[in-house]
Protein backbone atom coordinates (compact mmCIF):
# COMPACT_ATOMS: atom_id res chain seq x y z
CA UNK A 1 -251.10 -152.85 -15.62
CA UNK A 2 -251.83 -155.96 -13.47
CA UNK A 3 -255.04 -156.86 -11.82
CA UNK A 4 -253.48 -155.96 -8.29
CA UNK A 5 -252.25 -152.41 -9.48
CA UNK A 6 -255.56 -151.79 -11.10
CA UNK A 7 -257.59 -152.67 -7.95
CA UNK A 8 -255.57 -152.10 -4.81
CA UNK A 9 -256.96 -149.41 -2.54
CA UNK A 10 -254.46 -146.56 -2.60
CA UNK A 11 -255.26 -145.79 1.12
CA UNK A 12 -253.82 -149.20 2.12
CA UNK A 13 -250.41 -148.39 0.29
CA UNK A 14 -247.64 -146.53 1.97
CA UNK A 15 -246.89 -144.13 -0.89
CA UNK A 16 -243.95 -142.66 0.95
CA UNK A 17 -242.22 -145.98 0.58
CA UNK A 18 -239.82 -145.32 -2.31
CA UNK A 19 -239.42 -148.90 -3.62
CA UNK A 20 -240.15 -150.61 -6.89
CA UNK A 21 -243.55 -152.04 -6.05
CA UNK A 22 -245.20 -148.89 -4.65
CA UNK A 23 -243.56 -146.86 -7.54
CA UNK A 24 -245.06 -149.21 -9.98
CA UNK A 25 -248.60 -148.51 -8.65
CA UNK A 26 -247.98 -144.75 -8.01
CA UNK A 27 -246.93 -144.14 -11.64
CA UNK A 28 -249.78 -145.90 -13.13
CA UNK A 29 -252.51 -144.89 -10.79
CA UNK A 30 -251.75 -141.24 -9.92
CA UNK A 31 -252.13 -138.25 -12.05
CA UNK A 32 -248.79 -136.27 -12.93
CA UNK A 33 -249.71 -133.49 -10.42
CA UNK A 34 -250.17 -135.92 -7.58
CA UNK A 35 -246.91 -137.54 -8.41
CA UNK A 36 -245.15 -134.27 -8.26
CA UNK A 37 -246.74 -133.57 -4.51
CA UNK A 38 -245.56 -137.02 -3.70
CA UNK A 39 -242.04 -136.43 -4.70
CA UNK A 40 -242.01 -133.23 -2.67
CA UNK A 41 -243.46 -134.94 0.41
CA UNK A 42 -240.93 -137.72 0.06
CA UNK A 43 -238.07 -135.43 0.09
CA UNK A 44 -239.62 -133.32 2.98
CA UNK A 45 -240.16 -130.21 0.74
CA UNK A 46 -243.18 -127.99 0.65
CA UNK A 47 -245.74 -128.90 -1.92
CA UNK A 48 -246.60 -126.19 -4.66
CA UNK A 49 -249.73 -124.49 -5.03
CA UNK A 50 -251.91 -126.47 -7.67
CA UNK A 51 -254.11 -123.35 -8.58
CA UNK A 52 -252.79 -120.75 -10.97
CA UNK A 53 -251.41 -117.81 -9.02
CA UNK A 54 -252.93 -114.32 -9.35
CA UNK A 55 -251.03 -111.87 -7.23
CA UNK A 56 -249.93 -108.31 -6.71
CA UNK A 57 -246.28 -108.91 -7.60
CA UNK A 58 -245.02 -105.85 -5.95
CA UNK A 59 -246.52 -106.93 -2.68
CA UNK A 60 -245.15 -110.63 -3.19
CA UNK A 61 -241.62 -109.22 -3.67
CA UNK A 62 -241.89 -107.00 -0.68
CA UNK A 63 -242.65 -109.96 1.33
CA UNK A 64 -239.98 -111.95 -0.07
CA UNK A 65 -237.59 -109.35 0.88
CA UNK A 66 -238.96 -109.21 4.44
CA UNK A 67 -238.41 -113.02 4.56
CA UNK A 68 -234.84 -112.81 3.32
CA UNK A 69 -234.03 -110.12 5.81
CA UNK A 70 -235.51 -112.04 8.71
CA UNK A 71 -233.73 -115.27 7.56
CA UNK A 72 -230.36 -113.15 7.97
CA UNK A 73 -231.25 -112.19 11.44
CA UNK A 74 -232.37 -108.59 10.80
CA UNK A 75 -235.50 -109.29 13.11
CA UNK A 76 -236.07 -105.60 13.92
CA UNK A 77 -236.45 -104.66 10.20
CA UNK A 78 -238.44 -107.74 9.34
CA UNK A 79 -240.77 -107.13 12.14
CA UNK A 80 -241.34 -103.41 11.41
CA UNK A 81 -241.83 -104.01 7.88
CA UNK A 82 -244.68 -106.31 8.27
CA UNK A 83 -248.36 -105.34 8.65
CA UNK A 84 -249.08 -104.60 12.29
CA UNK A 85 -251.82 -107.15 12.38
CA UNK A 86 -252.81 -106.27 16.05
CA UNK A 87 -253.42 -102.75 15.56
CA UNK A 88 -257.13 -102.34 15.13
CA UNK A 89 -258.43 -106.03 15.98
CA UNK A 90 -260.04 -107.06 19.14
CA UNK A 91 -257.94 -109.19 21.53
CA UNK A 92 -260.45 -112.03 21.19
CA UNK A 93 -260.15 -112.32 17.48
CA UNK A 94 -258.17 -115.55 16.43
CA UNK A 95 -255.54 -115.08 13.65
CA UNK A 96 -255.50 -116.65 10.18
CA UNK A 97 -253.52 -119.99 10.52
CA UNK A 98 -250.06 -119.89 8.97
CA UNK A 99 -250.03 -121.59 5.65
CA UNK A 100 -249.12 -125.29 5.79
CA UNK A 101 -245.97 -126.38 3.97
CA UNK A 102 -247.72 -129.52 2.46
CA UNK A 103 -251.00 -130.70 1.87
CA UNK A 104 -253.08 -133.69 0.21
CA UNK A 105 -254.13 -137.10 1.18
CA UNK A 106 -250.63 -138.69 1.25
CA UNK A 107 -249.26 -135.94 3.49
CA UNK A 108 -252.24 -136.20 5.91
CA UNK A 109 -251.89 -140.04 6.11
CA UNK A 110 -248.19 -139.58 7.07
CA UNK A 111 -249.01 -136.76 9.33
CA UNK A 112 -251.32 -138.99 11.35
CA UNK A 113 -248.68 -141.64 11.65
CA UNK A 114 -246.12 -138.87 12.83
CA UNK A 115 -248.77 -137.92 15.60
CA UNK A 116 -249.02 -141.68 16.51
CA UNK A 117 -245.14 -141.90 16.90
CA UNK A 118 -244.20 -142.81 20.58
CA UNK A 119 -241.16 -144.13 22.20
CA UNK A 120 -242.41 -147.75 22.05
CA UNK A 121 -243.46 -147.18 18.26
CA UNK A 122 -240.43 -145.78 16.38
CA UNK A 123 -241.45 -143.62 13.42
CA UNK A 124 -241.09 -145.10 9.95
CA UNK A 125 -238.01 -143.84 8.07
CA UNK A 126 -240.34 -142.75 5.02
CA UNK A 127 -241.97 -140.33 7.50
CA UNK A 128 -238.91 -138.45 8.74
CA UNK A 129 -238.67 -136.09 5.95
CA UNK A 130 -242.10 -134.85 6.52
CA UNK A 131 -241.70 -134.83 10.24
CA UNK A 132 -238.71 -132.35 9.73
CA UNK A 133 -240.65 -130.35 7.41
CA UNK A 134 -243.69 -130.15 9.95
CA UNK A 135 -241.27 -129.19 12.88
CA UNK A 136 -239.52 -126.56 10.57
CA UNK A 137 -242.97 -125.03 9.59
CA UNK A 138 -244.10 -124.72 13.23
CA UNK A 139 -240.92 -123.12 14.31
CA UNK A 140 -241.01 -120.70 11.38
CA UNK A 141 -244.57 -119.77 12.42
CA UNK A 142 -243.68 -119.40 16.06
CA UNK A 143 -241.03 -116.78 15.14
CA UNK A 144 -243.52 -114.99 13.11
CA UNK A 145 -246.02 -115.19 15.81
CA UNK A 146 -243.70 -113.67 18.38
CA UNK A 147 -242.74 -110.89 16.00
CA UNK A 148 -246.30 -109.96 15.00
CA UNK A 149 -247.98 -110.31 18.60
CA UNK A 150 -245.26 -109.48 20.92
CA UNK A 151 -246.63 -106.07 21.77
CA UNK A 152 -250.33 -107.35 22.08
CA UNK A 153 -249.36 -110.23 24.44
CA UNK A 154 -246.13 -108.92 26.10
CA UNK A 155 -244.37 -111.85 24.73
CA UNK A 156 -241.06 -112.42 26.62
CA UNK A 157 -237.89 -111.88 24.64
CA UNK A 158 -236.88 -114.75 22.59
CA UNK A 159 -233.94 -115.99 20.48
CA UNK A 160 -233.98 -115.92 16.69
CA UNK A 161 -234.41 -119.72 16.58
CA UNK A 162 -236.61 -120.00 19.66
CA UNK A 163 -239.45 -122.67 20.04
CA UNK A 164 -242.58 -122.71 22.03
CA UNK A 165 -240.88 -124.91 24.76
CA UNK A 166 -238.52 -121.92 25.38
CA UNK A 167 -241.67 -119.83 26.80
CA UNK A 168 -243.74 -122.77 27.68
CA UNK A 169 -243.99 -121.67 31.34
CA UNK A 170 -245.15 -118.18 30.34
CA UNK A 171 -247.59 -119.64 27.74
CA UNK A 172 -249.23 -121.85 30.27
CA UNK A 173 -249.73 -118.88 32.58
CA UNK A 174 -251.28 -116.95 29.41
CA UNK A 175 -254.14 -119.01 28.22
CA UNK A 176 -255.18 -116.24 25.83
CA UNK A 177 -251.77 -116.02 24.24
CA UNK A 178 -251.59 -119.88 24.39
CA UNK A 179 -254.89 -120.28 22.54
CA UNK A 180 -254.02 -117.72 19.94
CA UNK A 181 -250.68 -119.40 19.31
CA UNK A 182 -252.20 -122.74 18.61
CA UNK A 183 -254.76 -121.01 16.26
CA UNK A 184 -251.75 -119.65 14.35
CA UNK A 185 -249.51 -122.70 14.04
CA UNK A 186 -249.86 -124.56 10.85
CA UNK A 187 -249.45 -127.93 12.63
CA UNK A 188 -250.93 -127.36 16.25
CA UNK A 189 -251.50 -131.09 16.89
CA UNK A 190 -247.72 -131.83 16.33
CA UNK A 191 -246.67 -128.97 18.83
CA UNK A 192 -249.47 -130.25 21.51
CA UNK A 193 -247.85 -133.69 21.34
CA UNK A 194 -244.75 -132.37 22.84
CA UNK A 195 -246.55 -130.96 25.94
CA UNK A 196 -246.59 -133.31 28.77
CA UNK A 197 -249.66 -133.71 31.03
CA UNK A 198 -248.00 -132.97 34.14
CA UNK A 199 -246.90 -129.73 32.65
CA UNK A 200 -250.24 -128.48 32.14
CA UNK A 201 -251.40 -129.79 35.59
CA UNK A 202 -248.57 -128.09 37.44
């Protein structure tokens, strides 16, 4: 290991850059588990849980079955087979945030760069896979939010691949539902970035 590789501050290295210089540092400085997470983030894939999994496998399999049905467009079955989260809870209670698809320091560094993206500051190509993953995670969470809370908030009918933008006018007129949605989304900052100030002031 060279002197530079040994002493360089990893926070100053764009670890998503898949090049010989960066990989030489990553291989020598990161633990194997961190390298695995880095590979997933570079490819735009969800990172794997690092803790051992203790679960009720019957419940896990039932949830997987629900997700498969939902993915094939059987929304009514998928919605009815999930726990009715709003049956005995107060309307003011915030939901548990939908799980994030990726975690870790490298992911967060890339996420902050994605949030800083603007028309006059093109997104770095190495951040595109994660940007796509973040967008997909928010869309998936929005679909689940509509399914779980449609009855409580009287959410308008939405298509299977709907996005918050499709009911944005309604959301702006329903601050409680809007607040609830942003508490549920795994990446609310990314969703907020798409909301124009003039839309909120209209």
